[in-house]
Amino acid sequence: MTTEPRVSPRFERGSTPRPAQSEPGAIRPDRLTVWPTEDGYYGIDVRWHGRECILRAVVVRRMLAEAGIEAQPGNSQDGRIWELRVGPVPANQVAKLIETHIW
């Protein structure tokens, strides 16, 4: 009678739960700046660097537009930096906007 060697349970296929798939949502920026305006609202500057920065800016701008939030795009001359200027945003909505659409 022969028995096959037993593999440790942690190495068995399917024994470890797979990490949850990330939910589709906002794309984290490389830089985020929140600044007050004179009328009590806030502006948010969101900046991405690198090869795919334009794609990230487009995705976030589209999400903001679908939520009815104004965002003006801008970029550097060489195209390596893209940013969105978001706002004006009421003070009590800044954190929620960042959490749901930007971060």
C-alpha atoms as a PDB file:
ATOM      1  CA  MET A   1       0.000   0.000   0.000  1.00  0.00           C
ATOM      2  CA  THR A   2       1.500   3.333  -1.107  1.00  0.00           C
ATOM      3  CA  THR A   3       0.318   6.744  -0.247  1.00  0.00           C
ATOM      4  CA  GLU A   4       1.140   9.929  -2.003  1.00  0.00           C
ATOM      5  CA  PRO A   5       2.932  12.575   0.012  1.00  0.00           C
ATOM      6  CA  ARG A   6       0.572  15.088   1.501  1.00  0.00           C
ATOM      7  CA  VAL A   7       1.068  18.705   0.435  1.00  0.00           C
ATOM      8  CA  SER A   8       0.690  21.361   3.082  1.00  0.00           C
ATOM      9  CA  PRO A   9      -2.849  22.804   2.887  1.00  0.00           C
ATOM     10  CA  ARG A  10      -1.531  26.274   2.207  1.00  0.00           C
ATOM     11  CA  PHE A  11       0.013  25.040  -1.049  1.00  0.00           C
ATOM     12  CA  GLU A  12      -2.995  23.106  -2.284  1.00  0.00           C
ATOM     13  CA  ARG A  13      -4.683  24.595  -5.303  1.00  0.00           C
ATOM     14  CA  GLY A  14      -7.762  26.548  -4.385  1.00  0.00           C
ATOM     15  CA  SER A  15      -7.175  26.364  -0.640  1.00  0.00           C
ATOM     16  CA  THR A  16      -6.323  30.026  -0.232  1.00  0.00           C
ATOM     17  CA  PRO A  17      -8.995  32.593  -0.934  1.00  0.00           C
ATOM     18  CA  ARG A  18      -8.255  34.855  -3.850  1.00  0.00           C
ATOM     19  CA  PRO A  19      -8.046  38.551  -3.139  1.00  0.00           C
ATOM     20  CA  ALA A  20     -11.262  40.363  -3.919  1.00  0.00           C
ATOM     21  CA  GLN A  21     -11.363  41.953  -7.333  1.00  0.00           C
ATOM     22  CA  SER A  22     -10.963  45.676  -7.058  1.00  0.00           C
ATOM     23  CA  GLU A  23     -14.114  47.573  -7.758  1.00  0.00           C
ATOM     24  CA  PRO A  24     -14.081  49.805 -10.794  1.00  0.00           C
ATOM     25  CA  GLY A  25     -13.726  53.337  -9.609  1.00  0.00           C
ATOM     26  CA  ALA A  26     -11.456  56.310  -9.391  1.00  0.00           C
ATOM     27  CA  ILE A  27      -7.779  56.237 -10.287  1.00  0.00           C
ATOM     28  CA  ARG A  28      -5.472  57.583  -7.612  1.00  0.00           C
ATOM     29  CA  PRO A  29      -3.566  60.691  -8.632  1.00  0.00           C
ATOM     30  CA  ASP A  30       0.125  61.398  -8.105  1.00  0.00           C
ATOM     31  CA  ARG A  31      -0.684  64.738  -6.516  1.00  0.00           C
ATOM     32  CA  LEU A  32      -3.810  66.219  -4.958  1.00  0.00           C
ATOM     33  CA  THR A  33      -4.156  69.827  -3.789  1.00  0.00           C
ATOM     34  CA  VAL A  34      -7.208  71.320  -2.071  1.00  0.00           C
ATOM     35  CA  TRP A  35      -7.392  75.105  -1.841  1.00  0.00           C
ATOM     36  CA  PRO A  36     -10.026  77.570  -0.601  1.00  0.00           C
ATOM     37  CA  THR A  37     -11.682  80.131  -2.848  1.00  0.00           C
ATOM     38  CA  GLU A  38     -12.784  83.583  -1.755  1.00  0.00           C
ATOM     39  CA  ASP A  39     -16.470  82.654  -1.750  1.00  0.00           C
ATOM     40  CA  GLY A  40     -16.209  79.821   0.804  1.00  0.00           C
ATOM     41  CA  TYR A  41     -15.941  77.000  -1.711  1.00  0.00           C
ATOM     42  CA  TYR A  42     -12.902  74.874  -2.519  1.00  0.00           C
ATOM     43  CA  GLY A  43     -10.968  73.994  -5.638  1.00  0.00           C
ATOM     44  CA  ILE A  44      -9.202  70.670  -6.109  1.00  0.00           C
ATOM     45  CA  ASP A  45      -6.194  70.202  -8.376  1.00  0.00           C
ATOM     46  CA  VAL A  46      -5.598  66.581  -9.357  1.00  0.00           C
ATOM     47  CA  ARG A  47      -2.359  65.641 -11.148  1.00  0.00           C
ATOM     48  CA  TRP A  48      -1.044  62.490 -12.846  1.00  0.00           C
ATOM     49  CA  HIS A  49       2.448  61.810 -14.230  1.00  0.00           C
ATOM     50  CA  GLY A  50       3.706  59.188 -16.656  1.00  0.00           C
ATOM     51  CA  ARG A  51       2.719  57.308 -19.776  1.00  0.00           C
ATOM     52  CA  GLU A  52      -0.923  56.705 -18.942  1.00  0.00           C
ATOM     53  CA  CYS A  53      -1.630  60.034 -17.270  1.00  0.00           C
ATOM     54  CA  ILE A  54      -3.967  61.234 -20.022  1.00  0.00           C
ATOM     55  CA  LEU A  55      -6.081  58.087 -19.739  1.00  0.00           C
ATOM     56  CA  ARG A  56      -6.379  58.523 -15.995  1.00  0.00           C
ATOM     57  CA  ALA A  57      -7.379  62.163 -16.353  1.00  0.00           C
ATOM     58  CA  VAL A  58     -10.008  61.298 -18.974  1.00  0.00           C
ATOM     59  CA  VAL A  59     -11.524  58.555 -16.800  1.00  0.00           C
ATOM     60  CA  VAL A  60     -11.783  60.769 -13.727  1.00  0.00           C
ATOM     61  CA  ARG A  61     -13.096  63.743 -15.733  1.00  0.00           C
ATOM     62  CA  ARG A  62     -15.807  61.534 -17.224  1.00  0.00           C
ATOM     63  CA  MET A  63     -16.806  60.265 -13.770  1.00  0.00           C
ATOM     64  CA  LEU A  64     -16.981  63.838 -12.477  1.00  0.00           C
ATOM     65  CA  ALA A  65     -19.023  64.975 -15.496  1.00  0.00           C
ATOM     66  CA  GLU A  66     -21.501  62.135 -14.972  1.00  0.00           C
ATOM     67  CA  ALA A  67     -21.907  63.339 -11.375  1.00  0.00           C
ATOM     68  CA  GLY A  68     -22.496  66.925 -12.565  1.00  0.00           C
ATOM     69  CA  ILE A  69     -19.173  68.244 -11.242  1.00  0.00           C
ATOM     70  CA  GLU A  70     -17.143  70.686 -13.311  1.00  0.00           C
ATOM     71  CA  ALA A  71     -13.487  69.827 -14.066  1.00  0.00           C
ATOM     72  CA  GLN A  72     -11.129  71.692 -16.402  1.00  0.00           C
ATOM     73  CA  PRO A  73      -8.275  69.656 -17.941  1.00  0.00           C
ATOM     74  CA  GLY A  74      -4.723  70.867 -18.453  1.00  0.00           C
ATOM     75  CA  ASN A  75      -1.372  69.362 -19.383  1.00  0.00           C
ATOM     76  CA  SER A  76       2.336  70.114 -19.619  1.00  0.00           C
ATOM     77  CA  GLN A  77       3.903  70.907 -22.982  1.00  0.00           C
ATOM     78  CA  ASP A  78       5.590  67.525 -23.231  1.00  0.00           C
ATOM     79  CA  GLY A  79       2.385  65.643 -22.280  1.00  0.00           C
ATOM     80  CA  ARG A  80       3.950  63.877 -19.288  1.00  0.00           C
ATOM     81  CA  ILE A  81       1.731  65.625 -16.760  1.00  0.00           C
ATOM     82  CA  TRP A  82      -2.053  65.930 -16.942  1.00  0.00           C
ATOM     83  CA  GLU A  83      -4.221  67.587 -14.370  1.00  0.00           C
ATOM     84  CA  LEU A  84      -7.803  68.457 -13.627  1.00  0.00           C
ATOM     85  CA  ARG A  85      -8.955  71.560 -11.801  1.00  0.00           C
ATOM     86  CA  VAL A  86     -12.161  70.567 -10.049  1.00  0.00           C
ATOM     87  CA  GLY A  87     -14.631  72.954  -8.547  1.00  0.00           C
ATOM     88  CA  PRO A  88     -15.906  75.030  -7.061  1.00  0.00           C
ATOM     89  CA  VAL A  89     -16.921  72.461  -4.439  1.00  0.00           C
ATOM     90  CA  PRO A  90     -18.856  73.239  -1.220  1.00  0.00           C
ATOM     91  CA  ALA A  91     -16.727  72.718   1.899  1.00  0.00           C
ATOM     92  CA  ASN A  92     -18.939  69.932   3.245  1.00  0.00           C
ATOM     93  CA  GLN A  93     -18.597  67.911   0.009  1.00  0.00           C
ATOM     94  CA  VAL A  94     -14.823  68.034  -0.562  1.00  0.00           C
ATOM     95  CA  ALA A  95     -13.921  64.833   1.322  1.00  0.00           C
ATOM     96  CA  LYS A  96     -16.790  62.835  -0.187  1.00  0.00           C
ATOM     97  CA  LEU A  97     -15.951  64.003  -3.715  1.00  0.00           C
ATOM     98  CA  ILE A  98     -12.315  62.992  -3.305  1.00  0.00           C
ATOM     99  CA  GLU A  99     -13.252  59.614  -1.844  1.00  0.00           C
ATOM    100  CA  THR A 100     -15.904  58.716  -4.415  1.00  0.00           C
ATOM    101  CA  HIS A 101     -14.535  60.160  -7.655  1.00  0.00           C
ATOM    102  CA  ILE A 102     -10.834  60.935  -7.337  1.00  0.00           C
ATOM    103  CA  TRP A 103      -9.137  58.714  -4.792  1.00  0.00           C
END
